Amino acid sequence: MTGPAPGVAAAIEGELRLLDPLVRASADLLDQVLHPDYREVDTTGRHWDRDTIIDLLVSGQAPGPGRLTASRMRGVHLADGLVHLTFDTEARNKRAHRSSLWRLTRAGWLLYYHQATPFDLSPGPPAAPGPPTGRPSG
């Protein structure tokens, strides 16, 4: 069995670095991982740009998630120089599905876009039925 493709492996390594509290607290280290055009949508739906998120993280005023654990991390090459990662995180009994786009630059693989969607493992009401899949409705 072979490991992930080099771009996927680099994106996974970068994503795991971003889970490290020491990296999250250092503007210099964040600068090495975040693309100049980085954008994020957090679990509350707020939008962030690169400078704002770096300032917030290193100021110590960002609510710390505690120890983050990641699971189900998978990656796929979407195009030359573009990798999409999906994974789940958990911290303090809060879970999020996460999606990240990583771009290959002269500086290496940098995080270009990240979005997190909270989810709960408790059973909920069944989903409403939708149109049959495979054919457009109407």
Protein backbone atom coordinates (compact mmCIF):
# COMPACT_ATOMS: atom_id res chain seq x y z
CA MET A 1 0.00 0.00 0.00
CA THR A 2 1.32 3.42 -0.89
CA GLY A 3 0.96 6.63 1.03
CA PRO A 4 -0.80 9.78 -0.12
CA ALA A 5 0.44 11.74 -3.12
CA PRO A 6 3.13 14.32 -2.25
CA GLY A 7 0.78 17.32 -2.43
CA VAL A 8 -1.82 15.62 -0.26
CA ALA A 9 0.87 14.58 2.23
CA ALA A 10 2.19 18.16 2.38
CA ALA A 11 -1.32 19.55 2.93
CA ILE A 12 -1.99 17.03 5.71
CA GLU A 13 1.33 17.92 7.35
CA GLY A 14 0.45 21.63 7.16
CA GLU A 15 -3.02 21.06 8.56
CA LEU A 16 -1.61 19.09 11.48
CA ARG A 17 0.89 21.90 12.14
CA LEU A 18 -2.03 24.31 12.41
CA LEU A 19 -3.52 22.20 15.19
CA ASP A 20 -0.38 22.77 17.28
CA PRO A 21 -0.97 25.49 19.92
CA LEU A 22 2.61 26.75 19.46
CA VAL A 23 2.03 27.36 15.75
CA ARG A 24 -1.35 28.99 16.42
CA ALA A 25 0.32 31.42 18.84
CA SER A 26 3.15 32.51 16.51
CA ALA A 27 2.71 35.07 13.72
CA ASP A 28 5.96 33.86 12.14
CA LEU A 29 4.84 30.23 12.07
CA LEU A 30 1.34 31.10 10.83
CA ASP A 31 2.96 33.21 8.12
CA GLN A 32 4.73 30.07 6.87
CA VAL A 33 1.47 28.13 6.51
CA LEU A 34 -1.23 30.64 5.47
CA HIS A 35 -1.51 31.85 1.87
CA PRO A 36 -1.43 35.66 1.39
CA ASP A 37 -5.06 35.49 0.16
CA TYR A 38 -6.21 33.16 2.97
CA ARG A 39 -9.89 33.26 3.94
CA GLU A 40 -11.82 31.31 6.58
CA VAL A 41 -15.40 30.69 7.62
CA ASP A 42 -15.46 29.52 11.24
CA THR A 43 -17.97 27.33 13.09
CA THR A 44 -20.14 30.35 13.87
CA GLY A 45 -20.32 31.46 10.23
CA ARG A 46 -17.96 34.42 10.69
CA HIS A 47 -15.62 35.28 7.82
CA TRP A 48 -11.94 35.98 8.49
CA ASP A 49 -9.04 37.18 6.37
CA ARG A 50 -5.42 36.25 6.90
CA ASP A 51 -4.25 39.32 8.81
CA THR A 52 -7.28 39.36 11.11
CA ILE A 53 -7.04 35.68 12.01
CA ILE A 54 -3.28 35.92 12.67
CA ASP A 55 -3.77 39.00 14.87
CA LEU A 56 -6.58 37.32 16.79
CA LEU A 57 -4.70 34.05 17.33
CA VAL A 58 -1.42 35.59 18.48
CA SER A 59 -3.11 38.22 20.69
CA GLY A 60 -4.28 35.50 23.04
CA GLN A 61 -7.81 36.94 22.84
CA ALA A 62 -9.15 34.19 20.61
CA PRO A 63 -11.18 31.67 22.56
CA GLY A 64 -8.89 28.67 22.75
CA PRO A 65 -10.50 25.47 21.58
CA GLY A 66 -8.34 23.45 23.93
CA ARG A 67 -6.64 20.37 22.63
CA LEU A 68 -7.92 19.67 19.13
CA THR A 69 -7.96 16.13 17.82
CA ALA A 70 -8.40 15.42 14.13
CA SER A 71 -9.88 12.33 12.53
CA ARG A 72 -10.99 11.03 9.14
CA MET A 73 -8.50 13.26 7.29
CA ARG A 74 -8.58 12.70 3.56
CA GLY A 75 -7.17 14.60 0.64
CA VAL A 76 -7.57 14.73 -3.10
CA HIS A 77 -5.76 16.61 -5.86
CA LEU A 78 -8.34 18.83 -7.56
CA ALA A 79 -5.90 20.25 -10.12
CA ASP A 80 -2.19 20.93 -10.49
CA GLY A 81 -1.14 22.79 -7.37
CA LEU A 82 -4.51 22.46 -5.63
CA VAL A 83 -5.40 19.97 -2.86
CA HIS A 84 -8.69 19.63 -1.01
CA LEU A 85 -8.65 18.19 2.53
CA THR A 86 -11.63 17.11 4.58
CA PHE A 87 -11.52 16.02 8.21
CA ASP A 88 -13.29 16.24 11.54
CA THR A 89 -12.07 17.84 14.76
CA GLU A 90 -13.13 17.56 18.36
CA ALA A 91 -12.28 19.80 21.31
CA ARG A 92 -14.15 20.13 24.59
CA ASN A 93 -16.98 17.94 23.27
CA LYS A 94 -17.49 20.24 20.26
CA ARG A 95 -17.15 18.67 16.84
CA ALA A 96 -16.69 20.20 13.40
CA HIS A 97 -16.50 18.93 9.85
CA ARG A 98 -13.66 20.79 8.18
CA SER A 99 -12.72 21.51 4.59
CA SER A 100 -9.48 23.13 3.44
CA LEU A 101 -7.97 24.13 0.11
CA TRP A 102 -4.18 24.11 -0.16
CA ARG A 103 -2.30 25.81 -3.01
CA LEU A 104 1.21 25.14 -4.18
CA THR A 105 3.26 28.37 -4.26
CA ARG A 106 6.95 29.21 -4.60
CA ALA A 107 7.06 28.98 -0.77
CA GLY A 108 5.48 25.49 -0.81
CA TRP A 109 1.97 24.33 0.06
CA LEU A 110 -0.06 27.07 1.79
CA LEU A 111 -3.56 27.03 3.22
CA TYR A 112 -5.75 29.12 0.92
CA TYR A 113 -9.27 28.54 2.31
CA HIS A 114 -10.77 26.85 5.36
CA GLN A 115 -14.33 26.25 6.48
CA ALA A 116 -15.68 24.54 9.60
CA THR A 117 -19.22 23.32 10.16
CA PRO A 118 -20.26 22.21 13.65
CA PHE A 119 -22.03 18.89 14.06
CA ASP A 120 -23.55 16.86 16.86
CA LEU A 121 -23.47 13.09 17.22
CA SER A 122 -26.80 12.96 18.99
CA PRO A 123 -29.64 11.58 16.91
CA GLY A 124 -31.91 14.17 15.43
CA PRO A 125 -35.16 14.13 13.53
CA PRO A 126 -35.07 12.30 10.22
CA ALA A 127 -34.23 14.40 7.20
CA ALA A 128 -37.14 15.51 5.06
CA PRO A 129 -37.40 13.49 1.87
CA GLY A 130 -36.02 15.24 -1.18
CA PRO A 131 -36.40 14.67 -4.89
CA PRO A 132 -35.04 11.36 -6.22
CA THR A 133 -31.35 11.48 -6.96
CA GLY A 134 -30.03 11.08 -10.47
CA ARG A 135 -32.79 13.02 -12.25
CA PRO A 136 -33.74 16.67 -12.10
CA SER A 137 -37.17 17.34 -10.59
CA GLY A 138 -39.93 19.13 -12.43
